[in-house]
C-alpha cells in the first residue's frame, strides 16, 4: 500500500515537557492498512518488519482480496506521535496473517488501548482481533478504513461485528495523516471517558460504604 502522507517535520527527541507515554496497538486483518496508518501518522521514521511476500506463503496467506499487496508484516510496526506537549503515543501495528497471530498476546501486554481497522470487503477478518481484545479486557475503538468506497454503512458494520453501543466506530483513511491522527485522538478520548466512569463508580461505592 502506498502512503499519501503530507510532508511533516521529523522530531528526533521527545519534548522535555512530555510526561505521559501510552502504548497503543493497531490490529486488524491482513492488508487492512495497519502499516500504512503507522507510517502516515508517525513523527519518527517508523520501524517496520515488512518482508516481500514469497511463494512460501502460498496456501497460507489469503491475498485474494489484496492482490496488489507485495509485502507483509512479520513481527510488528512501531511509530510514535505526540498528541500535545505532554502526551506521547507509542504505536504498534500488529501482523495481520493468521500464522503470526501468536504474537498478538505479547503485543497486548502493557497496552492501554487499541484501534481495530476494518475493511468492509472483509469484515470477518476483524472478528479475531475483537475477540482477543475482549479476552484481555483491552479497551478499543473500531475504524472503518476507506481505501475504496465502503460496501457497508457504519450501522451495518456495527451490527456485523456485534459491537456494544459504547464502543466508538468511526471512519478513516489510513493513508492520510490527519485522518489517522483523528482516530488516535478518538481512542484517547474513549480511554479518558472509561477512566472517568471508573473513578466516578469507585467514588459512589465509597460514599455508600
Protein backbone atom coordinates (compact mmCIF):
# COMPACT_ATOMS: atom_id res chain seq x y z
CA UNK A 1 0.00 0.00 0.00
CA UNK A 2 1.28 3.44 -0.84
CA UNK A 3 1.07 6.18 1.74
CA UNK A 4 -0.30 9.56 0.67
CA UNK A 5 1.18 11.32 3.65
CA UNK A 6 1.85 15.02 3.63
CA UNK A 7 5.31 16.32 4.48
CA UNK A 8 5.77 16.91 8.18
CA UNK A 9 8.82 17.58 10.36
CA UNK A 10 10.56 14.61 11.92
CA UNK A 11 11.19 15.04 15.63
CA UNK A 12 14.19 13.11 16.82
CA UNK A 13 13.65 13.67 20.53
CA UNK A 14 10.67 13.86 22.86
CA UNK A 15 9.72 17.28 24.09
CA UNK A 16 11.12 17.92 27.57
CA UNK A 17 7.57 18.61 28.74
CA UNK A 18 6.27 15.19 27.63
CA UNK A 19 5.43 13.10 30.68
CA UNK A 20 2.72 10.65 29.61
CA UNK A 21 3.58 7.80 27.23
CA UNK A 22 0.76 5.48 26.18
CA UNK A 23 1.17 2.19 24.32
CA UNK A 24 -1.39 1.76 21.55
CA UNK A 25 -1.81 -1.31 19.33
CA UNK A 26 -3.34 -1.22 15.84
CA UNK A 27 -4.86 -4.55 14.87
CA UNK A 28 -6.97 -5.97 12.06
CA UNK A 29 -6.95 -8.37 9.18
CA UNK A 30 -4.29 -8.97 6.56
CA UNK A 31 -3.77 -5.95 4.29
CA UNK A 32 -6.30 -3.74 6.06
CA UNK A 33 -3.91 -0.79 6.42
CA UNK A 34 -2.15 -1.12 9.79
CA UNK A 35 1.36 -0.49 8.44
CA UNK A 36 0.01 2.37 6.33
CA UNK A 37 -1.57 4.03 9.38
CA UNK A 38 1.63 3.80 11.43
CA UNK A 39 3.63 5.25 8.55
CA UNK A 40 1.19 8.06 7.85
CA UNK A 41 0.99 9.37 11.39
CA UNK A 42 4.36 8.64 12.99
CA UNK A 43 6.57 11.66 13.65
CA UNK A 44 9.69 9.48 13.60
CA UNK A 45 10.86 7.13 10.89
CA UNK A 46 8.75 4.02 11.63
CA UNK A 47 10.37 0.73 12.49
CA UNK A 48 8.95 -1.80 10.06
CA UNK A 49 9.34 -5.56 9.81
CA UNK A 50 7.80 -5.83 6.36
CA UNK A 51 9.15 -8.57 4.12
CA UNK A 52 8.48 -9.34 0.48
CA UNK A 53 5.75 -11.91 0.04
CA UNK A 54 7.09 -15.11 -1.50
CA UNK A 55 5.74 -18.43 -2.66
CA UNK A 56 6.33 -19.71 0.88
CA UNK A 57 3.09 -18.00 1.82
CA UNK A 58 1.03 -19.60 -0.93
CA UNK A 59 -1.83 -21.56 0.55
CA UNK A 60 -1.22 -19.90 3.92
CA UNK A 61 -1.80 -16.17 3.44
CA UNK A 62 -5.08 -15.32 1.73
CA UNK A 63 -4.19 -12.40 -0.53
CA UNK A 64 -7.15 -12.84 -2.86
CA UNK A 65 -8.74 -9.59 -1.66
CA UNK A 66 -5.48 -7.62 -1.70
CA UNK A 67 -3.83 -8.83 -4.88
CA UNK A 68 -1.72 -5.67 -5.23
CA UNK A 69 -0.04 -6.29 -1.87
CA UNK A 70 3.58 -7.42 -2.28
CA UNK A 71 4.90 -7.13 1.29
CA UNK A 72 3.74 -8.36 4.67
CA UNK A 73 4.48 -7.53 8.31
CA UNK A 74 6.16 -10.47 10.05
CA UNK A 75 6.52 -9.06 13.58
CA UNK A 76 5.20 -5.54 14.16
CA UNK A 77 5.46 -1.92 13.04
CA UNK A 78 6.45 0.79 15.50
CA UNK A 79 5.95 4.54 15.42
CA UNK A 80 5.38 7.49 17.71
CA UNK A 81 3.20 10.59 17.72
CA UNK A 82 2.89 13.47 20.19
CA UNK A 83 -0.74 14.46 20.66
CA UNK A 84 0.23 17.51 22.69
CA UNK A 85 3.14 18.84 24.76
CA UNK A 86 2.65 16.20 27.45
CA UNK A 87 1.12 13.12 25.84
CA UNK A 88 3.00 10.77 23.52
CA UNK A 89 1.55 7.65 21.91
CA UNK A 90 3.76 4.67 21.07
CA UNK A 91 2.16 2.84 18.17
CA UNK A 92 2.50 -0.88 17.49
CA UNK A 93 1.00 -2.28 14.29
CA UNK A 94 0.27 -6.00 14.68
CA UNK A 95 0.81 -8.51 11.86
CA UNK A 96 -2.42 -9.47 10.12
CA UNK A 97 -1.80 -13.00 8.86
CA UNK A 98 -3.18 -15.86 10.92
CA UNK A 99 0.24 -17.55 11.14
CA UNK A 100 1.57 -14.56 13.13
CA UNK A 101 -1.39 -14.17 15.49
CA UNK A 102 0.56 -15.87 18.28
CA UNK A 103 2.47 -12.57 18.61
CA UNK A 104 -0.64 -10.59 19.44
CA UNK A 105 -0.98 -11.58 23.09
CA UNK A 106 2.54 -10.32 23.78
CA UNK A 107 1.89 -7.08 21.93
CA UNK A 108 -1.19 -6.52 24.08
CA UNK A 109 0.89 -6.60 27.29
CA UNK A 110 1.03 -3.11 28.77
CA UNK A 111 -1.35 -1.76 26.13
CA UNK A 112 -3.84 0.85 27.33
CA UNK A 113 -6.00 0.74 24.22
CA UNK A 114 -6.29 -0.45 20.65
CA UNK A 115 -7.58 0.52 17.24
CA UNK A 116 -9.26 -2.20 15.19
CA UNK A 117 -9.02 -1.35 11.50
CA UNK A 118 -11.70 -2.93 9.35
CA UNK A 119 -12.21 -3.32 5.62
CA UNK A 120 -15.88 -3.59 4.71
CA UNK A 121 -14.98 -6.09 2.00
CA UNK A 122 -13.60 -8.45 4.66
CA UNK A 123 -15.40 -7.76 7.91
CA UNK A 124 -14.91 -11.32 9.17
CA UNK A 125 -11.15 -10.70 9.28
CA UNK A 126 -11.77 -8.40 12.26
CA UNK A 127 -13.54 -10.94 14.47
CA UNK A 128 -10.39 -12.49 15.89
CA UNK A 129 -8.89 -9.11 16.78
CA UNK A 130 -12.01 -8.06 18.65
CA UNK A 131 -12.22 -11.42 20.40
CA UNK A 132 -8.62 -11.20 21.67
CA UNK A 133 -9.03 -7.61 22.85
CA UNK A 134 -12.18 -8.51 24.75
CA UNK A 135 -10.41 -11.54 26.23
CA UNK A 136 -7.61 -9.32 27.54
CA UNK A 137 -10.05 -6.63 28.68
CA UNK A 138 -8.30 -4.07 26.47
CA UNK A 139 -10.44 -1.03 25.55
CA UNK A 140 -10.68 -0.39 21.82
CA UNK A 141 -12.36 1.58 19.10
CA UNK A 142 -13.13 0.46 15.56
CA UNK A 143 -12.14 2.45 12.47
CA UNK A 144 -13.60 1.72 9.04
CA UNK A 145 -10.67 2.22 6.68
CA UNK A 146 -11.80 3.66 3.36
CA UNK A 147 -9.11 2.76 0.83
CA UNK A 148 -12.05 2.35 -1.55
CA UNK A 149 -15.77 3.05 -1.47
CA UNK A 150 -17.16 1.17 1.58
CA UNK A 151 -19.66 -1.57 0.82
CA UNK A 152 -21.44 -1.29 4.17
CA UNK A 153 -22.64 1.61 6.28
CA UNK A 154 -21.29 2.22 9.79
CA UNK A 155 -24.55 0.88 11.21
CA UNK A 156 -24.16 -2.32 9.19
CA UNK A 157 -20.55 -2.66 10.32
CA UNK A 158 -21.56 -2.27 13.97
CA UNK A 159 -24.24 -4.91 13.56
CA UNK A 160 -21.96 -7.35 11.69
CA UNK A 161 -19.24 -7.05 14.34
CA UNK A 162 -21.78 -7.12 17.19
CA UNK A 163 -20.22 -4.03 18.74
CA UNK A 164 -21.68 -2.71 22.01
CA UNK A 165 -23.13 0.82 21.77
CA UNK A 166 -20.33 2.22 23.93
CA UNK A 167 -17.56 1.14 21.51
CA UNK A 168 -16.80 4.07 19.18
CA UNK A 169 -16.98 3.32 15.44
CA UNK A 170 -15.56 5.94 13.09
CA UNK A 171 -14.42 6.47 9.50
CA UNK A 172 -10.83 6.99 8.42
CA UNK A 173 -8.37 6.87 5.56
CA UNK A 174 -5.18 5.32 6.91
CA UNK A 175 -3.16 6.97 4.12
CA UNK A 176 -3.94 10.45 5.43
CA UNK A 177 -2.02 11.79 8.43
CA UNK A 178 -4.85 13.97 9.73
CA UNK A 179 -7.36 11.14 9.41
CA UNK A 180 -5.10 8.67 11.22
CA UNK A 181 -4.41 11.21 13.95
CA UNK A 182 -8.16 11.76 14.41
CA UNK A 183 -8.54 8.00 15.03
CA UNK A 184 -5.89 8.09 17.76
CA UNK A 185 -7.47 11.16 19.35
CA UNK A 186 -10.82 9.33 19.37
CA UNK A 187 -9.19 6.38 21.13
CA UNK A 188 -7.59 8.60 23.79
CA UNK A 189 -10.93 10.32 24.40
CA UNK A 190 -12.57 6.90 24.76
CA UNK A 191 -9.92 5.81 27.27
CA UNK A 192 -10.38 9.05 29.22
CA UNK A 193 -14.15 8.54 29.26
CA UNK A 194 -13.75 4.99 30.58
CA UNK A 195 -11.30 6.18 33.23
CA UNK A 196 -13.69 8.94 34.34
CA UNK A 197 -16.58 6.49 34.57
CA UNK A 198 -14.46 4.08 36.62
CA UNK A 199 -13.40 6.84 39.02
CA UNK A 200 -16.99 8.02 39.44
CA UNK A 201 -18.18 4.47 40.14
CA UNK A 202 -15.45 3.95 42.73
CA UNK A 203 -16.32 7.22 44.46
CA UNK A 204 -20.01 6.27 44.50
CA UNK A 205 -19.25 2.90 46.08
CA UNK A 206 -17.06 4.50 48.75
CA UNK A 207 -19.73 7.05 49.62
CA UNK A 208 -22.30 4.29 50.22
CA UNK A 209 -19.94 2.01 52.14
